[in-house]
Amino acid sequence: MEATTWGFIGTIIGAFASIATTAIISWNSYILANKTKEYEREETANVFQRETILELQTELLEYFRSCHQIYKNDRDYFEKTKQWGGSILTELNTQNRDLSAKTSMLIQRISHDELRNKLEVFKSNCTKSLIAKDKFEAEIHYDISSEQYHEINELLGKVLRNTYWQPNA
């Protein structure tokens, strides 16, 4: 074969190699860009969950404290009158309803199913202790919610820690 033929073949092979290299680089760039977008979406979701959990921890404490105040008020009233469920201060009642609404809203933002379900059961037991018809029923639900509060705080901490960057993940 002549030199011009070899030159032409070399040019064609070089062009194909250049096109293939460009295609591979473009594909790798596309893959990296997608992974970066996916990481950013995950990180945005983790930041949202972290902020929600931190806010929920604060609101949950205030809500439980409010429920405890109402329970204590009912218990004190029972000591004096032997009747359960005395009237509570309007301010305390309003505070409890506001905290209940805020807590419910935050619970719905939690993406961790087990945690969200446990929070809903906890909140239900708190409510049952507040609307109980007698001291015995109120004590049962209050004691259950007290135990659940500690379990939920541990689970909140665990879920919160999982939203932070994990070097081995």
Protein backbone atom coordinates (compact mmCIF):
# COMPACT_ATOMS: atom_id res chain seq x y z
CA MET A 1 0.00 0.00 0.00
CA GLU A 2 1.02 3.48 -0.68
CA ALA A 3 1.91 6.04 1.96
CA THR A 4 -1.17 8.15 1.14
CA THR A 5 -3.44 5.17 1.80
CA TRP A 6 -1.72 4.52 5.11
CA GLY A 7 -1.97 8.22 5.93
CA PHE A 8 -5.69 8.18 5.12
CA ILE A 9 -6.27 5.03 7.24
CA GLY A 10 -4.29 6.58 10.10
CA THR A 11 -6.35 9.76 9.89
CA ILE A 12 -9.63 7.77 9.98
CA ILE A 13 -8.44 5.67 12.94
CA GLY A 14 -7.26 8.80 14.75
CA ALA A 15 -10.61 10.50 14.15
CA PHE A 16 -12.50 7.45 15.47
CA ALA A 17 -10.24 7.28 18.50
CA SER A 18 -10.78 10.99 19.15
CA ILE A 19 -14.57 10.61 18.80
CA ALA A 20 -14.57 7.56 21.08
CA THR A 21 -12.47 9.39 23.69
CA THR A 22 -14.80 12.39 23.56
CA ALA A 23 -17.85 10.13 23.88
CA ILE A 24 -16.33 8.33 26.89
CA ILE A 25 -15.42 11.62 28.56
CA SER A 26 -18.90 13.01 27.90
CA TRP A 27 -20.54 9.87 29.29
CA ASN A 28 -18.38 9.97 32.43
CA SER A 29 -19.18 13.67 32.89
CA TYR A 30 -22.88 12.89 32.54
CA ILE A 31 -22.64 10.10 35.14
CA LEU A 32 -20.72 12.35 37.56
CA ALA A 33 -23.22 15.18 37.10
CA ASN A 34 -26.11 12.81 37.86
CA LYS A 35 -24.35 11.47 40.95
CA THR A 36 -23.70 15.03 42.10
CA LYS A 37 -27.37 15.95 41.62
CA GLU A 38 -28.45 12.81 43.47
CA TYR A 39 -26.06 13.59 46.34
CA GLU A 40 -27.36 17.17 46.51
CA ARG A 41 -30.98 15.93 46.61
CA GLU A 42 -30.13 13.46 49.38
CA GLU A 43 -28.27 16.11 51.33
CA THR A 44 -31.18 18.55 50.97
CA ALA A 45 -33.54 15.87 52.27
CA ASN A 46 -31.16 15.10 55.16
CA VAL A 47 -30.90 18.78 56.08
CA PHE A 48 -34.71 19.04 56.07
CA GLN A 49 -35.02 15.95 58.27
CA ARG A 50 -32.32 17.21 60.66
CA GLU A 51 -34.03 20.58 61.05
CA THR A 52 -37.43 18.93 61.48
CA ILE A 53 -36.17 16.46 64.08
CA LEU A 54 -34.35 19.16 66.04
CA GLU A 55 -37.46 21.33 66.05
CA LEU A 56 -39.63 18.33 66.92
CA GLN A 57 -37.43 17.45 69.90
CA THR A 58 -37.98 20.92 71.33
CA GLU A 59 -41.71 21.00 70.59
CA LEU A 60 -42.22 17.45 71.84
CA LEU A 61 -40.66 18.36 75.18
CA GLU A 62 -42.91 21.41 75.46
CA TYR A 63 -45.97 19.38 74.43
CA PHE A 64 -45.22 16.64 76.95
CA ARG A 65 -44.55 19.24 79.65
CA SER A 66 -47.92 20.83 78.84
CA CYS A 67 -49.67 17.45 79.04
CA HIS A 68 -47.94 16.82 82.37
CA GLN A 69 -49.15 20.16 83.73
CA ILE A 70 -52.73 19.34 82.76
CA TYR A 71 -52.43 15.85 84.23
CA LYS A 72 -50.98 17.28 87.44
CA ASN A 73 -53.77 19.85 87.55
CA ASP A 74 -56.36 17.07 87.22
CA ARG A 75 -54.61 14.99 89.86
CA ASP A 76 -54.49 17.94 92.30
CA TYR A 77 -58.15 18.61 91.64
CA PHE A 78 -58.92 14.95 92.33
CA GLU A 79 -57.05 15.11 95.66
CA LYS A 80 -59.31 17.98 96.75
CA THR A 81 -62.66 16.89 95.34
CA LYS A 82 -62.38 13.16 94.56
CA GLN A 83 -63.64 14.00 91.07
CA TRP A 84 -61.47 13.66 88.00
CA GLY A 85 -61.13 16.32 85.35
CA GLY A 86 -61.34 19.75 86.87
CA SER A 87 -61.26 22.82 84.73
CA ILE A 88 -57.88 23.91 83.49
CA LEU A 89 -56.62 27.40 82.86
CA THR A 90 -57.58 28.76 79.46
CA GLU A 91 -53.96 29.72 78.86
CA LEU A 92 -52.75 26.18 79.56
CA ASN A 93 -55.50 24.67 77.41
CA THR A 94 -54.65 27.01 74.51
CA GLN A 95 -50.94 26.31 74.89
CA ASN A 96 -51.59 22.57 74.83
CA ARG A 97 -53.75 22.79 71.71
CA ASP A 98 -51.17 24.94 69.92
CA LEU A 99 -48.35 22.58 70.87
CA SER A 100 -50.45 19.60 69.83
CA ALA A 101 -51.06 21.13 66.40
CA LYS A 102 -47.40 22.06 65.93
CA THR A 103 -46.25 18.62 67.05
CA SER A 104 -48.71 16.91 64.69
CA MET A 105 -47.44 19.00 61.80
CA LEU A 106 -43.81 18.16 62.56
CA ILE A 107 -44.59 14.46 62.98
CA GLN A 108 -46.02 14.35 59.46
CA ARG A 109 -42.73 15.71 58.08
CA ILE A 110 -40.74 12.79 59.47
CA SER A 111 -39.73 10.39 56.68
CA HIS A 112 -38.72 7.54 59.02
CA ASP A 113 -41.87 5.37 59.19
CA GLU A 114 -41.14 3.64 62.49
CA LEU A 115 -40.40 6.93 64.23
CA ARG A 116 -43.47 8.64 62.77
CA ASN A 117 -45.71 5.75 63.88
CA LYS A 118 -44.28 5.74 67.41
CA LEU A 119 -44.73 9.50 67.65
CA GLU A 120 -48.37 9.20 66.61
CA VAL A 121 -49.00 6.48 69.22
CA PHE A 122 -47.25 8.62 71.86
CA LYS A 123 -49.35 11.62 70.99
CA SER A 124 -52.50 9.51 71.07
CA ASN A 125 -51.67 8.27 74.58
CA CYS A 126 -50.99 11.81 75.75
CA THR A 127 -54.37 12.89 74.42
CA LYS A 128 -56.09 9.90 76.02
CA SER A 129 -54.56 10.80 79.39
CA LEU A 130 -55.96 14.33 79.05
CA ILE A 131 -59.49 13.31 78.09
CA ALA A 132 -59.74 10.35 80.46
CA LYS A 133 -62.97 10.02 82.40
CA ASP A 134 -61.34 8.82 85.61
CA LYS A 135 -58.05 8.84 87.48
CA PHE A 136 -57.24 5.20 86.73
CA GLU A 137 -57.59 5.60 82.96
CA ALA A 138 -55.59 8.84 83.00
CA GLU A 139 -52.77 7.25 85.01
CA ILE A 140 -52.52 4.30 82.62
CA HIS A 141 -52.20 6.50 79.54
CA TYR A 142 -49.93 8.98 81.28
CA ASP A 143 -47.56 6.22 82.44
CA ILE A 144 -47.51 4.67 78.96
CA SER A 145 -46.78 8.04 77.35
CA SER A 146 -44.00 8.70 79.89
CA GLU A 147 -42.28 5.44 78.93
CA GLN A 148 -42.82 6.14 75.24
CA TYR A 149 -41.33 9.62 75.59
CA HIS A 150 -37.97 8.19 76.63
CA GLU A 151 -38.02 5.54 73.88
CA ILE A 152 -38.95 8.14 71.28
CA ASN A 153 -36.14 10.44 72.36
CA GLU A 154 -33.65 7.62 71.86
CA LEU A 155 -35.09 6.86 68.42
CA LEU A 156 -35.10 10.56 67.52
CA GLY A 157 -31.41 10.71 68.37
CA LYS A 158 -30.66 7.61 66.31
CA VAL A 159 -32.57 8.88 63.28
CA LEU A 160 -30.96 12.31 63.68
CA ARG A 161 -27.47 10.82 63.73
CA ASN A 162 -28.28 8.90 60.53
CA THR A 163 -28.98 12.17 58.71
CA TYR A 164 -25.37 13.27 59.13
CA TRP A 165 -22.64 12.38 56.68
CA GLN A 166 -21.41 8.84 57.20
CA PRO A 167 -17.81 8.24 56.00
CA ASN A 168 -18.41 4.51 55.40
CA ALA A 169 -21.81 4.88 53.75
